[in-house]
Protein backbone atom coordinates (compact mmCIF):
# COMPACT_ATOMS: atom_id res chain seq x y z
CA MET A 1 0.17 0.06 -0.26
CA ASP A 2 1.09 3.21 -1.11
CA VAL A 3 -0.88 5.62 0.64
CA ARG A 4 2.54 5.96 -0.73
CA ILE A 5 3.19 9.19 -2.58
CA GLY A 6 4.48 7.17 -6.32
CA VAL A 7 5.47 3.66 -7.59
CA ARG A 8 6.88 0.92 -6.42
CA PRO A 9 9.70 -1.33 -8.18
CA ARG A 10 9.87 -4.48 -9.32
CA MET A 11 12.06 -7.21 -8.24
CA GLY A 12 15.47 -5.94 -9.22
CA GLY A 13 14.38 -2.24 -9.45
CA LYS A 14 12.35 -1.70 -12.12
CA VAL A 15 9.51 0.74 -11.62
CA LYS A 16 6.33 -0.73 -12.00
CA LYS A 17 2.53 0.84 -11.85
CA GLY A 18 1.95 2.42 -7.97
CA ARG A 19 -1.04 2.07 -5.80
CA ILE A 20 -1.96 5.09 -3.93
CA LYS A 21 -4.44 3.50 -1.69
CA ALA A 22 -6.90 6.10 -1.25
CA LEU A 23 -8.23 5.24 1.94
CA GLY A 24 -11.68 6.81 1.25
CA LEU A 25 -10.34 10.06 -0.05
CA ILE A 26 -12.00 9.46 -3.14
CA VAL A 27 -12.89 12.86 -5.70
CA ALA A 28 -15.97 14.54 -3.78
CA GLY A 29 -17.32 14.97 -7.12
CA MET A 30 -18.21 11.41 -7.78
CA MET A 31 -21.24 11.50 -4.87
CA VAL A 32 -22.38 13.32 -7.17
CA VAL A 33 -22.78 11.13 -10.01
CA ALA A 34 -26.14 9.39 -11.11
CA GLY A 35 -27.00 5.69 -12.35
CA CYS A 36 -27.75 2.51 -11.11
CA ALA A 37 -25.79 -0.98 -11.53
CA SER A 38 -27.53 -3.79 -9.87
CA ASN A 39 -27.20 -7.48 -9.87
CA PRO A 40 -30.70 -9.47 -9.59
CA THR A 41 -31.05 -9.90 -6.18
CA SER A 42 -31.73 -6.21 -4.95
CA SER A 43 -34.05 -5.93 -1.91
CA GLY A 44 -35.12 -2.78 -2.93
CA ASN A 45 -34.36 -0.99 0.10
CA PRO A 46 -32.96 2.19 -1.19
CA ALA A 47 -32.81 3.68 2.55
CA GLY A 48 -30.32 1.32 3.86
CA GLN A 49 -31.00 2.20 7.36
CA SER A 50 -30.76 -1.06 9.56
CA GLY A 51 -32.42 0.39 12.72
CA SER A 52 -32.11 -1.15 16.56
CA GLY A 53 -34.28 -3.23 15.82
CA ASP A 54 -33.09 -5.35 12.24
CA LYS A 55 -30.47 -8.66 13.36
CA SER A 56 -29.92 -9.21 10.14
CA THR A 57 -28.94 -5.84 8.12
CA LEU A 58 -25.77 -4.20 8.51
CA THR A 59 -25.26 -0.37 7.43
CA VAL A 60 -22.09 1.11 6.94
CA ALA A 61 -21.83 4.65 6.04
CA MET A 62 -18.54 5.78 4.24
CA PRO A 63 -17.96 9.24 2.94
CA SER A 64 -17.67 8.91 -0.68
CA ASP A 65 -18.68 6.83 -3.62
CA THR A 66 -16.42 4.37 -4.95
CA GLY A 67 -15.02 3.85 -8.42
CA THR A 68 -14.35 0.34 -10.80
CA LEU A 69 -15.29 -2.96 -8.86
CA ASP A 70 -12.82 -4.92 -10.86
CA PRO A 71 -10.24 -6.68 -8.90
CA ALA A 72 -7.59 -6.62 -11.52
CA VAL A 73 -7.94 -3.43 -12.00
CA THR A 74 -9.03 -1.64 -8.41
CA MET A 75 -6.26 -0.30 -5.84
CA ASP A 76 -8.58 1.77 -3.89
CA ASN A 77 -9.98 0.53 -0.10
CA ALA A 78 -13.20 2.19 -1.09
CA ALA A 79 -13.25 -0.26 -3.81
CA TRP A 80 -11.97 -3.30 -1.98
CA LYS A 81 -14.22 -3.38 0.94
CA ILE A 82 -17.09 -3.94 -1.62
CA THR A 83 -15.26 -6.77 -3.34
CA TYR A 84 -13.37 -8.46 -0.88
CA PRO A 85 -16.38 -10.34 1.33
CA CYS A 86 -17.76 -11.32 -2.56
CA TYR A 87 -14.29 -12.90 -4.09
CA GLN A 88 -12.58 -15.81 -2.63
CA ARG A 89 -8.40 -16.28 -2.69
CA LEU A 90 -6.34 -19.54 -2.85
CA VAL A 91 -5.73 -18.37 0.89
CA GLN A 92 -6.51 -15.74 2.86
CA TYR A 93 -5.51 -13.66 6.53
CA ASP A 94 -5.81 -15.64 9.77
CA GLY A 95 -8.31 -13.66 11.82
CA ALA A 96 -5.97 -10.44 13.24
CA SER A 97 -2.68 -12.01 11.99
CA THR A 98 -0.65 -11.23 9.13
CA GLU A 99 0.07 -14.68 8.65
CA VAL A 100 -2.02 -16.73 5.85
CA LYS A 101 -3.88 -19.57 6.12
CA PRO A 102 -5.97 -21.93 4.04
CA SER A 103 -9.26 -20.62 1.84
CA LEU A 104 -9.98 -21.96 -1.54
CA ALA A 105 -6.60 -24.02 -1.58
CA THR A 106 -6.23 -26.62 1.46
CA SER A 107 -2.37 -26.69 0.91
CA TRP A 108 0.69 -25.89 -1.05
CA GLN A 109 4.09 -26.96 -1.87
CA VAL A 110 7.15 -24.87 -2.47
CA GLY A 111 9.93 -26.40 -5.09
CA ASP A 112 12.20 -25.09 -7.50
CA GLY A 113 14.19 -23.34 -4.92
CA GLY A 114 11.24 -21.51 -4.15
CA LYS A 115 10.29 -20.87 -8.30
CA THR A 116 7.35 -22.83 -8.19
CA TRP A 117 3.86 -23.24 -5.63
CA THR A 118 1.28 -25.90 -6.61
CA PHE A 119 -1.76 -25.06 -4.69
CA THR A 120 -4.47 -27.90 -4.15
CA LEU A 121 -7.86 -26.71 -4.42
CA GLN A 122 -10.64 -27.55 -1.93
CA SER A 123 -13.46 -29.00 -4.09
CA GLY A 124 -17.25 -27.89 -3.82
CA ASN A 125 -16.60 -24.38 -3.76
CA LYS A 126 -19.15 -22.03 -6.57
CA PHE A 127 -19.37 -18.96 -8.22
CA ALA A 128 -22.48 -16.94 -7.67
CA ASP A 129 -23.91 -18.81 -10.59
CA GLY A 130 -23.14 -22.01 -9.80
CA THR A 131 -20.33 -22.50 -12.17
CA PRO A 132 -17.45 -24.63 -10.03
CA VAL A 133 -14.08 -22.89 -9.12
CA ASP A 134 -11.38 -24.77 -10.41
CA ALA A 135 -7.95 -25.00 -11.46
CA ASN A 136 -9.08 -23.50 -14.89
CA ALA A 137 -10.57 -20.16 -13.28
CA VAL A 138 -7.63 -19.25 -10.96
CA LYS A 139 -5.40 -19.64 -14.47
CA PHE A 140 -8.40 -17.23 -16.12
CA THR A 141 -7.57 -14.89 -13.19
CA PHE A 142 -4.33 -14.27 -13.48
CA ASP A 143 -3.52 -14.67 -16.75
CA ARG A 144 -6.40 -11.78 -17.46
CA LEU A 145 -5.12 -10.02 -14.15
CA LEU A 146 -1.42 -9.77 -16.23
CA LYS A 147 -2.98 -9.21 -19.45
CA ILE A 148 -4.90 -6.09 -18.42
CA ASN A 149 -1.44 -5.11 -16.96
CA LYS A 150 -3.15 -2.14 -14.73
CA GLY A 151 -1.90 -1.39 -11.09
CA PRO A 152 -2.61 -4.62 -9.74
CA ALA A 153 -0.48 -7.01 -11.81
CA GLY A 154 2.48 -4.88 -10.14
CA ASP A 155 2.68 -7.38 -7.48
CA PHE A 156 3.22 -10.11 -9.76
CA ASP A 157 5.85 -8.79 -12.16
CA GLU A 158 7.39 -12.34 -10.43
CA LEU A 159 5.06 -14.61 -12.16
CA GLN A 160 6.43 -16.29 -15.38
CA GLU A 161 3.07 -18.67 -15.97
CA VAL A 162 0.13 -20.49 -14.32
CA LYS A 163 -0.30 -24.47 -15.28
CA VAL A 164 -3.69 -25.96 -14.58
CA LEU A 165 -2.21 -29.59 -13.43
CA ASP A 166 -5.76 -31.14 -13.25
CA PRO A 167 -8.88 -29.43 -11.82
CA THR A 168 -8.09 -29.15 -8.36
CA HIS A 169 -4.22 -28.72 -8.81
CA VAL A 170 -2.82 -24.94 -9.92
CA GLN A 171 0.77 -24.38 -10.44
CA PHE A 172 2.65 -20.93 -10.40
CA ILE A 173 6.10 -20.79 -11.94
CA LEU A 174 8.16 -17.59 -10.73
CA LYS A 175 10.90 -16.21 -12.19
CA HIS A 176 12.86 -16.11 -9.24
CA PRO A 177 12.64 -17.24 -6.08
CA PHE A 178 9.81 -14.43 -4.15
CA PRO A 179 9.13 -16.02 -0.43
CA ALA A 180 6.71 -13.37 -0.27
CA PHE A 181 4.36 -14.43 -3.23
CA LEU A 182 1.77 -16.48 -0.53
CA SER A 183 1.20 -13.41 1.35
CA THR A 184 0.43 -11.40 -2.07
CA LEU A 185 -2.30 -14.39 -3.00
CA ALA A 186 -4.21 -12.90 0.15
CA ALA A 187 -4.60 -8.98 -1.61
CA ASN A 188 -7.91 -8.15 -3.11
CA TYR A 189 -6.42 -8.12 -6.16
CA ALA A 190 -5.70 -12.22 -6.21
CA SER A 191 -9.26 -13.15 -6.04
CA ILE A 192 -10.61 -15.58 -8.08
CA VAL A 193 -13.05 -14.38 -10.88
CA ASN A 194 -15.45 -16.30 -12.38
CA PRO A 195 -13.72 -17.04 -16.04
CA LYS A 196 -17.72 -16.58 -17.66
CA VAL A 197 -16.93 -12.97 -17.18
CA MET A 198 -15.96 -13.32 -21.05
CA GLU A 199 -19.42 -13.27 -21.63
CA HIS A 200 -19.50 -9.89 -21.20
CA GLU A 201 -16.33 -9.00 -23.11
CA GLN A 202 -16.91 -5.71 -25.10
CA ASN A 203 -14.27 -4.49 -27.22
CA GLY A 204 -11.35 -7.10 -26.20
CA ASP A 205 -11.77 -5.31 -22.21
CA MET A 206 -11.92 -8.62 -20.75
CA GLY A 207 -14.80 -7.85 -19.07
CA GLN A 208 -13.55 -4.47 -17.38
CA ALA A 209 -16.51 -2.77 -18.41
CA TYR A 210 -19.35 -5.19 -17.04
CA LEU A 211 -16.80 -6.31 -13.39
CA ALA A 212 -16.72 -2.40 -12.99
CA ASP A 213 -19.95 -2.47 -11.89
CA HIS A 214 -20.52 -5.86 -10.97
CA THR A 215 -19.01 -9.16 -9.17
CA MET A 216 -18.65 -12.83 -10.36
CA GLY A 217 -17.10 -14.08 -7.27
CA SER A 218 -17.37 -17.16 -5.22
CA GLY A 219 -17.35 -15.02 -1.73
CA PRO A 220 -20.10 -15.30 0.67
CA TYR A 221 -21.79 -11.89 -0.94
CA GLN A 222 -22.42 -10.60 -3.93
CA LEU A 223 -22.56 -7.05 -5.03
CA ALA A 224 -27.29 -6.43 -5.41
CA ASP A 225 -27.57 -2.88 -6.69
CA TRP A 226 -25.45 0.35 -6.64
CA LYS A 227 -27.01 3.96 -6.51
CA LYS A 228 -23.99 5.76 -7.38
CA GLY A 229 -23.89 8.58 -4.84
CA GLN A 230 -26.42 6.95 -2.91
CA TYR A 231 -25.39 3.70 -1.71
CA LEU A 232 -24.31 0.16 -2.68
CA GLU A 233 -26.07 -3.23 -1.48
CA LEU A 234 -24.26 -7.00 -0.86
CA THR A 235 -26.77 -9.40 -0.53
CA LEU A 236 -25.95 -13.16 0.06
CA ASN A 237 -24.26 -15.82 -2.54
CA PRO A 238 -26.66 -18.09 -2.93
CA SER A 239 -23.98 -20.83 -4.03
CA TYR A 240 -21.74 -20.40 -1.36
CA SER A 241 -20.45 -23.22 0.38
CA GLY A 242 -19.04 -22.02 3.39
CA THR A 243 -21.24 -21.37 6.69
CA GLN A 244 -24.14 -18.82 6.40
CA PRO A 245 -23.59 -15.59 6.96
CA LYS A 246 -25.95 -14.09 10.17
CA LEU A 247 -25.81 -10.99 7.80
CA SER A 248 -28.24 -11.44 4.98
CA LYS A 249 -27.64 -7.63 3.42
CA VAL A 250 -24.97 -5.48 4.13
CA TYR A 251 -25.62 -1.63 3.06
CA PHE A 252 -22.75 0.78 2.08
CA ARG A 253 -24.15 4.20 2.16
CA ILE A 254 -22.60 7.61 0.95
CA LEU A 255 -22.81 10.31 3.14
CA GLY A 256 -20.05 12.48 3.01
CA ASP A 257 -21.20 14.77 5.94
CA ALA A 258 -19.13 13.67 9.39
CA SER A 259 -21.87 15.36 11.14
CA ALA A 260 -24.59 13.35 9.60
CA GLU A 261 -23.17 10.55 10.04
CA ARG A 262 -22.09 10.96 13.91
CA LEU A 263 -26.12 11.89 14.40
CA GLN A 264 -27.22 8.83 12.29
CA LEU A 265 -24.58 6.69 14.58
CA GLU A 266 -25.68 8.02 17.79
CA LYS A 267 -29.35 7.77 16.88
CA GLY A 268 -28.78 4.06 15.60
CA GLN A 269 -29.75 4.49 11.85
CA ILE A 270 -26.42 3.36 10.69
CA ASP A 271 -24.23 0.49 12.73
CA ILE A 272 -20.35 1.68 11.33
CA ALA A 273 -19.59 5.12 10.76
CA GLU A 274 -16.23 5.64 8.66
CA GLY A 275 -15.92 9.07 8.09
CA ILE A 276 -15.75 10.64 11.33
CA PRO A 277 -12.53 12.70 12.46
CA ALA A 278 -10.44 11.54 15.20
CA ASP A 279 -10.46 14.64 17.22
CA GLN A 280 -14.41 13.73 17.47
CA LEU A 281 -14.00 9.93 18.83
CA LYS A 282 -13.04 10.74 21.99
CA ARG A 283 -16.43 12.09 22.71
CA LEU A 284 -17.81 9.76 20.88
CA SER A 285 -16.34 6.59 22.49
CA SER A 286 -17.90 7.80 25.83
CA GLU A 287 -21.66 7.83 24.11
CA GLN A 288 -23.91 5.19 25.62
CA GLY A 289 -24.58 2.14 23.07
CA ILE A 290 -21.10 3.39 20.50
CA THR A 291 -17.54 1.19 20.71
CA VAL A 292 -14.76 2.88 18.84
CA ILE A 293 -12.15 0.41 17.30
CA ASN A 294 -8.67 1.59 18.37
CA GLN A 295 -5.79 -0.76 16.51
CA PRO A 296 -2.34 0.01 15.52
CA SER A 297 -2.55 -0.05 11.80
CA MET A 298 0.10 -0.51 9.09
CA LEU A 299 0.38 3.03 7.63
CA VAL A 300 3.12 4.78 9.24
CA ASP A 301 4.15 8.66 8.31
CA TYR A 302 8.11 9.72 8.30
CA VAL A 303 10.06 11.88 6.50
CA TYR A 304 12.12 11.10 4.00
CA LEU A 305 16.45 13.07 4.14
CA ASN A 306 17.59 13.47 0.96
CA THR A 307 21.04 11.93 1.39
CA SER A 308 22.67 12.09 -1.41
CA LYS A 309 20.92 14.40 -3.68
CA GLY A 310 19.85 17.32 -1.37
CA SER A 311 21.71 19.59 0.68
CA PRO A 312 25.22 18.27 1.46
CA ALA A 313 24.97 18.77 5.13
CA LEU A 314 22.47 15.90 4.84
CA GLN A 315 25.24 13.36 3.80
CA ASN A 316 26.78 13.84 7.48
CA LYS A 317 25.50 10.65 9.46
CA LYS A 318 25.54 12.78 13.11
CA VAL A 319 23.83 15.84 10.69
CA ARG A 320 20.99 13.06 9.95
CA GLN A 321 21.35 11.54 13.85
CA ALA A 322 20.54 15.02 15.00
CA ILE A 323 17.78 15.80 13.38
CA SER A 324 16.18 12.61 14.21
CA TYR A 325 16.81 13.54 18.10
CA ALA A 326 15.28 16.95 17.37
CA VAL A 327 12.39 15.95 16.75
CA ASP A 328 9.18 15.79 19.54
CA TYR A 329 7.70 12.83 18.42
CA GLN A 330 4.79 12.58 21.16
CA GLY A 331 4.27 16.62 20.45
CA ILE A 332 3.52 15.23 16.64
CA ILE A 333 2.06 12.77 17.48
CA GLN A 334 -0.95 14.32 20.14
CA SER A 335 -1.38 17.20 17.58
CA SER A 336 -1.76 16.09 14.22
CA GLN A 337 -3.39 12.44 15.31
CA SER A 338 -4.84 13.22 18.83
CA GLY A 339 -2.67 11.13 20.13
CA TYR A 340 -4.50 8.30 18.47
CA ALA A 341 -0.77 6.53 17.05
CA THR A 342 2.62 5.03 17.96
CA GLN A 343 6.26 5.95 17.61
CA MET A 344 7.60 4.08 15.46
CA ARG A 345 10.64 1.71 16.44
CA GLY A 346 12.60 0.99 13.23
CA PRO A 347 10.94 0.95 9.72
CA ILE A 348 9.03 -2.40 10.18
CA PRO A 349 6.15 -1.28 12.20
CA LYS A 350 4.56 -3.26 14.93
CA GLY A 351 2.28 -6.26 14.05
CA LEU A 352 4.43 -6.98 11.28
CA TRP A 353 7.05 -10.28 11.70
CA GLY A 354 10.26 -8.50 11.60
CA HIS A 355 9.30 -5.50 13.59
CA ASP A 356 11.63 -6.25 16.88
CA ASP A 357 11.10 -3.88 19.76
CA SER A 358 14.79 -4.49 21.25
CA LEU A 359 16.16 -2.04 18.33
CA PRO A 360 17.33 1.26 19.67
CA GLN A 361 14.96 4.17 18.98
CA TYR A 362 15.56 8.00 18.82
CA THR A 363 14.09 10.17 21.35
CA TYR A 364 13.19 13.79 21.58
CA ASP A 365 16.39 14.55 22.77
CA VAL A 366 17.35 18.48 22.59
CA ASN A 367 20.40 18.37 23.88
CA LYS A 368 21.75 15.01 22.09
CA ALA A 369 20.79 16.63 19.11
CA LYS A 370 22.71 19.79 19.40
CA GLN A 371 25.79 17.74 20.80
CA LEU A 372 25.89 15.68 17.34
CA LEU A 373 25.43 18.87 15.49
CA ALA A 374 28.56 20.08 17.03
CA GLU A 375 30.61 16.90 16.54
CA SER A 376 29.56 16.43 12.69
CA GLY A 377 31.28 20.14 12.25
CA VAL A 378 28.78 20.70 9.66
CA GLN A 379 27.42 24.25 8.80
CA VAL A 380 23.78 22.99 7.99
CA PRO A 381 22.67 25.64 5.82
CA MET A 382 18.55 26.59 5.49
CA LEU A 383 16.93 22.98 4.33
CA THR A 384 13.74 22.96 2.35
CA LEU A 385 10.69 20.62 3.91
CA LEU A 386 8.76 19.43 0.83
CA TYR A 387 4.88 18.44 1.16
CA SER A 388 1.55 18.58 -0.38
CA ASP A 389 -2.21 18.48 1.01
CA HIS A 390 -2.44 14.58 0.04
CA MET A 391 -2.69 14.20 4.07
CA PRO A 392 -4.65 16.64 6.14
CA TRP A 393 -2.49 16.97 8.64
CA TRP A 394 0.73 17.49 7.08
CA PRO A 395 0.59 21.34 7.23
CA SER A 396 0.83 21.11 10.95
CA GLU A 397 3.06 18.12 11.31
CA ALA A 398 5.48 20.25 8.97
CA LEU A 399 4.99 23.62 10.89
CA ALA A 400 6.31 21.41 14.18
CA ILE A 401 9.03 19.82 12.44
CA GLN A 402 10.24 23.32 11.25
CA ASN A 403 9.84 24.62 15.06
CA ASN A 404 11.85 21.47 16.41
CA LEU A 405 14.66 22.26 13.95
CA LYS A 406 15.17 25.65 14.95
CA GLN A 407 15.59 24.29 18.24
CA ILE A 408 19.24 23.33 17.51
CA GLY A 409 19.69 25.68 14.90
CA ILE A 410 18.46 23.99 11.82
CA ASN A 411 16.24 26.58 9.73
CA VAL A 412 13.66 25.14 7.32
CA LYS A 413 12.04 26.73 4.75
CA LEU A 414 8.40 25.02 4.31
CA GLN A 415 7.31 23.86 0.90
CA GLN A 416 4.44 22.69 0.05
CA VAL A 417 3.20 22.18 -3.44
CA GLU A 418 0.03 20.34 -5.63
CA TYR A 419 0.48 16.37 -5.05
CA ALA A 420 1.53 15.62 -8.79
CA THR A 421 4.60 18.36 -8.61
CA GLU A 422 5.44 16.56 -5.41
CA ARG A 423 5.41 13.61 -6.95
CA ASP A 424 7.81 14.46 -9.52
CA MET A 425 10.72 15.89 -7.02
CA LEU A 426 10.14 13.28 -4.89
CA ASP A 427 11.26 11.38 -7.94
CA LYS A 428 13.77 13.68 -9.23
CA GLY A 429 15.33 13.94 -5.94
CA GLN A 430 14.41 17.84 -5.81
CA PHE A 431 14.43 18.34 -1.99
CA ASP A 432 16.01 18.61 1.22
CA LEU A 433 13.14 16.66 3.56
CA ALA A 434 9.87 15.75 2.84
CA LEU A 435 6.91 14.22 4.30
CA GLY A 436 5.74 10.63 3.07
CA VAL A 437 3.52 7.43 4.80
CA TRP A 438 2.96 4.22 3.59
CA SER A 439 1.35 0.61 3.81
CA PRO A 440 2.16 -2.50 2.99
CA ASP A 441 -0.19 -4.28 0.07
CA TYR A 442 1.24 -8.05 1.42
CA ALA A 443 2.38 -8.64 4.96
CA ASP A 444 5.94 -9.18 4.40
CA PRO A 445 8.92 -6.85 5.18
CA TYR A 446 10.16 -6.96 1.96
CA MET A 447 7.39 -3.79 1.52
CA PHE A 448 9.25 -1.64 4.05
CA MET A 449 13.09 -2.69 3.70
CA ASN A 450 13.75 -3.81 0.18
CA PHE A 451 11.02 -0.62 -1.01
CA TRP A 452 12.70 1.97 1.49
CA PHE A 453 16.57 0.96 1.19
CA ASP A 454 17.23 -0.87 -1.77
CA SER A 455 20.05 1.74 -3.85
CA LYS A 456 18.17 0.63 -6.98
CA ASN A 457 14.91 2.34 -5.88
CA PHE A 458 15.38 5.89 -6.19
CA GLY A 459 13.03 8.10 -6.17
CA LEU A 460 9.51 6.70 -6.17
CA ALA A 461 10.22 3.81 -6.74
CA GLY A 462 10.47 3.48 -2.59
CA ASN A 463 14.09 4.86 -1.75
CA ARG A 464 12.79 8.46 -1.48
CA ALA A 465 15.98 9.48 1.02
CA PHE A 466 18.02 8.24 -2.14
CA TYR A 467 20.26 5.94 0.34
CA SER A 468 22.87 3.97 -0.70
CA ASN A 469 25.00 1.33 1.97
CA PRO A 470 26.63 -1.64 0.33
CA GLU A 471 25.69 -3.57 3.27
CA VAL A 472 22.33 -2.94 3.73
CA ASP A 473 21.74 -4.25 -0.11
CA ARG A 474 24.11 -7.75 0.37
CA LEU A 475 21.32 -7.98 3.49
CA ILE A 476 18.19 -7.10 2.17
CA ARG A 477 18.35 -8.53 -1.32
CA GLU A 478 19.50 -12.12 0.15
CA ALA A 479 16.33 -11.93 2.55
CA ALA A 480 13.93 -11.28 -0.70
CA VAL A 481 14.70 -14.99 -2.02
CA VAL A 482 15.76 -16.97 1.19
CA GLN A 483 12.83 -19.20 2.10
CA ASP A 484 13.57 -19.77 5.52
CA GLN A 485 11.74 -17.02 7.32
CA ALA A 486 13.76 -17.45 10.73
CA THR A 487 16.93 -16.57 8.34
CA ARG A 488 14.75 -14.21 6.53
CA THR A 489 14.43 -12.25 10.12
CA ARG A 490 17.77 -12.37 10.85
CA LEU A 491 18.70 -11.06 7.89
CA TYR A 492 15.89 -7.85 8.10
CA THR A 493 17.37 -7.51 12.04
CA ASP A 494 20.67 -6.97 11.02
CA ALA A 495 19.73 -4.48 8.09
CA GLN A 496 17.16 -2.75 10.62
CA LYS A 497 20.34 -1.92 12.92
CA ILE A 498 22.45 -0.56 10.62
CA VAL A 499 19.82 1.92 8.67
CA ILE A 500 18.44 3.14 12.28
CA ASP A 501 22.20 4.28 12.65
CA ASP A 502 22.59 5.62 9.62
CA ALA A 503 19.32 7.94 9.74
CA PRO A 504 18.10 8.46 6.37
CA TYR A 505 14.95 8.17 7.45
CA ILE A 506 12.50 10.02 10.54
CA TYR A 507 10.16 7.15 11.60
CA LEU A 508 7.84 9.45 12.91
CA TYR A 509 4.75 7.04 13.85
CA GLN A 510 2.45 4.32 13.43
CA LYS A 511 -1.24 5.18 12.82
CA ASN A 512 -3.59 4.04 14.62
CA TYR A 513 -6.75 2.55 13.00
CA LEU A 514 -10.32 4.00 14.57
CA LEU A 515 -13.06 2.95 13.59
CA PRO A 516 -16.63 4.08 15.89
CA MET A 517 -20.00 1.57 15.70
CA ARG A 518 -22.73 0.49 17.35
CA SER A 519 -22.11 -1.36 20.38
CA ASP A 520 -24.70 -4.61 19.30
CA VAL A 521 -22.13 -4.81 15.99
CA LYS A 522 -20.59 -8.27 17.09
CA GLY A 523 -17.42 -10.56 15.77
CA PHE A 524 -15.85 -7.39 13.76
CA VAL A 525 -11.53 -8.38 13.30
CA TYR A 526 -9.43 -5.30 12.51
CA ASN A 527 -6.33 -7.30 10.41
CA PRO A 528 -3.96 -4.53 9.09
CA MET A 529 -3.36 -5.76 5.90
CA LEU A 530 -7.30 -5.39 5.53
CA GLU A 531 -7.50 -1.40 6.05
CA GLN A 532 -11.60 -0.85 5.82
CA ILE A 533 -12.42 -4.00 4.87
CA TYR A 534 -15.08 -5.90 7.34
CA ASN A 535 -14.74 -9.42 8.05
CA LEU A 536 -18.64 -9.52 6.99
CA ALA A 537 -19.45 -13.53 7.03
CA ASP A 538 -18.02 -13.52 10.37
CA MET A 539 -20.02 -10.14 12.34
CA SER A 540 -23.72 -10.34 13.89
CA LYS A 541 -26.24 -7.70 15.76
């Protein structure tokens, strides 16, 4: 997940199509788009208000509408919350854990040094129209995804071929060993699509126009109705082979007004409200009948220090360390996130394997910062701090950092630009300091360590600090291909120790996931890899 400004690298440092994970920040104009897309099972209840007495209907208010629902195209969480329960994947995340467990696949084997992955499929799964989910459907899904070649295809650059061995066995052949491959198969874009979508093909689009506003999966739900700018309705998949969900209808209502959401949540007219700002949630959490989910997410906020293309002063490690000690982390967390965040300890966030609580952590220490700056012997000129309005908290965060660095004698000029301009400047290295956010597409430290620190990935590809250390390159490149997780953990830990000391980034905080809901909603499990996605089949009221 980039809520990353920009694009990410392929293996070997090539640049691929980027994912800008929208996190609900969809263009407001979409809310007034007219139109309707529906499947034949619509209940005809446009209000979508569950009310306290309706135990079979869940109503979720979200701030804006979504775009295409095609799993091979969309990289947007607003779409994923609709599609994820409508499709199944070979594997799935295990509850709140970032580890995966079987789903459509009952087991898998890895061979040829990590280049072949052979999956055994569970029998009895069917798409909503009754078509069996078999190895041919799996092959079709990934062949289609790669042929369409839009954003999601980037996470399968290592995929060379998918082979059908028999109806219940399918084999993936990779170009190179890639141990994170299994985790990519739990993501939304690995959703298995009914091959009959080709009956809806238009002008060679492989069904993209149809799947933009329909679903053709084997998950517990299916899209029944979509009134653009008003609501989306999910109903049960009649062919679902799993345990029957207790929620027979789910409405995603587009409100777009935080005050309206809060009022309707308090009255019990909606069950979950997504668009309420963090600074209003403390009061809401004390309201009778309302619970606020508050869990660490994988969304991290940090600062790039341009170590090779920015100010020459930033090439000195002690200057960079001084800057890291000069930042008031807890003050920024309070001012920009109302306290709903945790200071990072190194580049791998808490909750993801490879995170190590024993690693050193920079703290707010003005005297230490001044001492390091003096030891550096470097006269630091005015530095620029680049940011955009892409995240609403960045302007105040930039001001806080400017004030922090002024305390140790470093003057900072704030440079706010348009989002597109920021992307271009980041890619070219035209900055000294810059604000950034990042979250992983799949549950593997590769998403942080290899993207951020490999010297092949300068710019939008991920290494926006333009940082280069041959020993770090060696460690993380080896960790990217070794199959044994214990070995990979050791390699990534060794690399983290080096990069923390080298200080090419300021690791600000790991943002909390906040979600207010009615207290009678039961069974919701937050998984940090499934931001804004609900385990609807396990939920009830």
